[in-house]
Amino acid sequence: MASLTSHLGEIDTVLDELFGKFSKIIKHITILEASSQLKLDPPKLGNSLFWMVEELRSTLWKAQ
């Protein structure tokens, strides 16, 4: 038990890194799926999240 406790910090760091990578993958998949559904080419990565929100907002506004 003592050896596990001494490595908790390292385990925590590895898990943070792993979940951070999963988060990035999920974000990119979401952007590509939204682009596909809107039948648009994805923009440059720097503006992709802002662009996706604006496109979804515009699409929802038109649907109302």
Foldseek 3Di string as FASTA:
>chain_A
DVVVVVCPVVVVVVVVVVVVVVVVVVVVVVLVVLCVVVVHDQDPPVCSVVVSVVVVVVVVVVVD
